């Protein structure tokens, strides 16, 4: 029973800290997603094209 109580308390603390950090960094997180997702898509397209076309120097 003590283990369950400890795990419940740990989960509650983790959830609380996660929510507080998310609220504090909300603008940064949204900006990172706004920039990161398109950059990730572009990088994936470049990597796919490089493999598909055979990047110069690849064996």
C-alpha atoms as a PDB file:
ATOM      1  CA  UNK A   1       0.000   0.000   0.000  1.00  0.00           C
ATOM      2  CA  UNK A   2       2.899   2.353   0.738  1.00  0.00           C
ATOM      3  CA  UNK A   3       4.302   1.688  -2.732  1.00  0.00           C
ATOM      4  CA  UNK A   4       1.018   2.644  -4.376  1.00  0.00           C
ATOM      5  CA  UNK A   5       0.815   5.832  -2.317  1.00  0.00           C
ATOM      6  CA  UNK A   6       4.402   6.720  -3.207  1.00  0.00           C
ATOM      7  CA  UNK A   7       3.801   6.116  -6.905  1.00  0.00           C
ATOM      8  CA  UNK A   8       0.612   8.166  -6.810  1.00  0.00           C
ATOM      9  CA  UNK A   9       2.416  11.038  -5.111  1.00  0.00           C
ATOM     10  CA  UNK A  10       5.290  10.830  -7.606  1.00  0.00           C
ATOM     11  CA  UNK A  11       2.845  10.867 -10.529  1.00  0.00           C
ATOM     12  CA  UNK A  12       1.011  13.872  -9.073  1.00  0.00           C
ATOM     13  CA  UNK A  13       4.278  15.773  -8.601  1.00  0.00           C
ATOM     14  CA  UNK A  14       5.424  14.916 -12.129  1.00  0.00           C
ATOM     15  CA  UNK A  15       2.110  16.035 -13.611  1.00  0.00           C
ATOM     16  CA  UNK A  16       2.143  19.279 -11.624  1.00  0.00           C
ATOM     17  CA  UNK A  17       5.716  20.129 -12.615  1.00  0.00           C
ATOM     18  CA  UNK A  18       4.979  19.277 -16.254  1.00  0.00           C
ATOM     19  CA  UNK A  19       1.938  21.551 -16.314  1.00  0.00           C
ATOM     20  CA  UNK A  20       3.799  24.416 -14.628  1.00  0.00           C
ATOM     21  CA  UNK A  21       6.758  24.186 -17.013  1.00  0.00           C
ATOM     22  CA  UNK A  22       4.410  23.995 -20.001  1.00  0.00           C
ATOM     23  CA  UNK A  23       2.551  27.100 -18.853  1.00  0.00           C
ATOM     24  CA  UNK A  24       5.801  28.980 -18.222  1.00  0.00           C
ATOM     25  CA  UNK A  25       7.318  28.074 -21.591  1.00  0.00           C
ATOM     26  CA  UNK A  26       4.151  28.107 -23.685  1.00  0.00           C
ATOM     27  CA  UNK A  27       5.345  30.775 -26.133  1.00  0.00           C
ATOM     28  CA  UNK A  28       8.728  29.105 -26.595  1.00  0.00           C
ATOM     29  CA  UNK A  29       7.131  25.701 -27.134  1.00  0.00           C
ATOM     30  CA  UNK A  30       4.705  26.985 -29.773  1.00  0.00           C
ATOM     31  CA  UNK A  31       7.489  28.887 -31.553  1.00  0.00           C
ATOM     32  CA  UNK A  32       9.669  25.763 -31.530  1.00  0.00           C
ATOM     33  CA  UNK A  33       6.847  23.744 -33.074  1.00  0.00           C
ATOM     34  CA  UNK A  34       6.132  26.480 -35.618  1.00  0.00           C
ATOM     35  CA  UNK A  35       9.773  26.462 -36.749  1.00  0.00           C
ATOM     36  CA  UNK A  36      10.730  22.865 -35.984  1.00  0.00           C
ATOM     37  CA  UNK A  37       8.012  21.016 -37.866  1.00  0.00           C
ATOM     38  CA  UNK A  38       8.612  22.694 -41.262  1.00  0.00           C
ATOM     39  CA  UNK A  39      12.382  22.385 -40.835  1.00  0.00           C
ATOM     40  CA  UNK A  40      11.987  18.692 -40.010  1.00  0.00           C
ATOM     41  CA  UNK A  41       9.832  18.134 -43.083  1.00  0.00           C
ATOM     42  CA  UNK A  42      12.350  19.944 -45.289  1.00  0.00           C
ATOM     43  CA  UNK A  43      15.229  17.926 -43.825  1.00  0.00           C
ATOM     44  CA  UNK A  44      13.338  14.681 -44.429  1.00  0.00           C
ATOM     45  CA  UNK A  45      12.705  15.662 -48.055  1.00  0.00           C
ATOM     46  CA  UNK A  46      16.364  16.551 -48.587  1.00  0.00           C
ATOM     47  CA  UNK A  47      17.512  13.281 -46.999  1.00  0.00           C
ATOM     48  CA  UNK A  48      15.046  11.270 -49.090  1.00  0.00           C
ATOM     49  CA  UNK A  49      16.143  13.020 -52.281  1.00  0.00           C
ATOM     50  CA  UNK A  50      19.804  12.474 -51.412  1.00  0.00           C
ATOM     51  CA  UNK A  51      19.281   8.743 -50.915  1.00  0.00           C
ATOM     52  CA  UNK A  52      16.947   8.363 -53.888  1.00  0.00           C
ATOM     53  CA  UNK A  53      19.162  10.291 -56.302  1.00  0.00           C
ATOM     54  CA  UNK A  54      22.398   8.875 -54.925  1.00  0.00           C
ATOM     55  CA  UNK A  55      24.306  11.649 -53.218  1.00  0.00           C
ATOM     56  CA  UNK A  56      27.668  12.285 -54.955  1.00  0.00           C
ATOM     57  CA  UNK A  57      30.353  10.216 -53.324  1.00  0.00           C
ATOM     58  CA  UNK A  58      28.070   7.552 -51.892  1.00  0.00           C
ATOM     59  CA  UNK A  59      29.045   3.968 -52.500  1.00  0.00           C
END
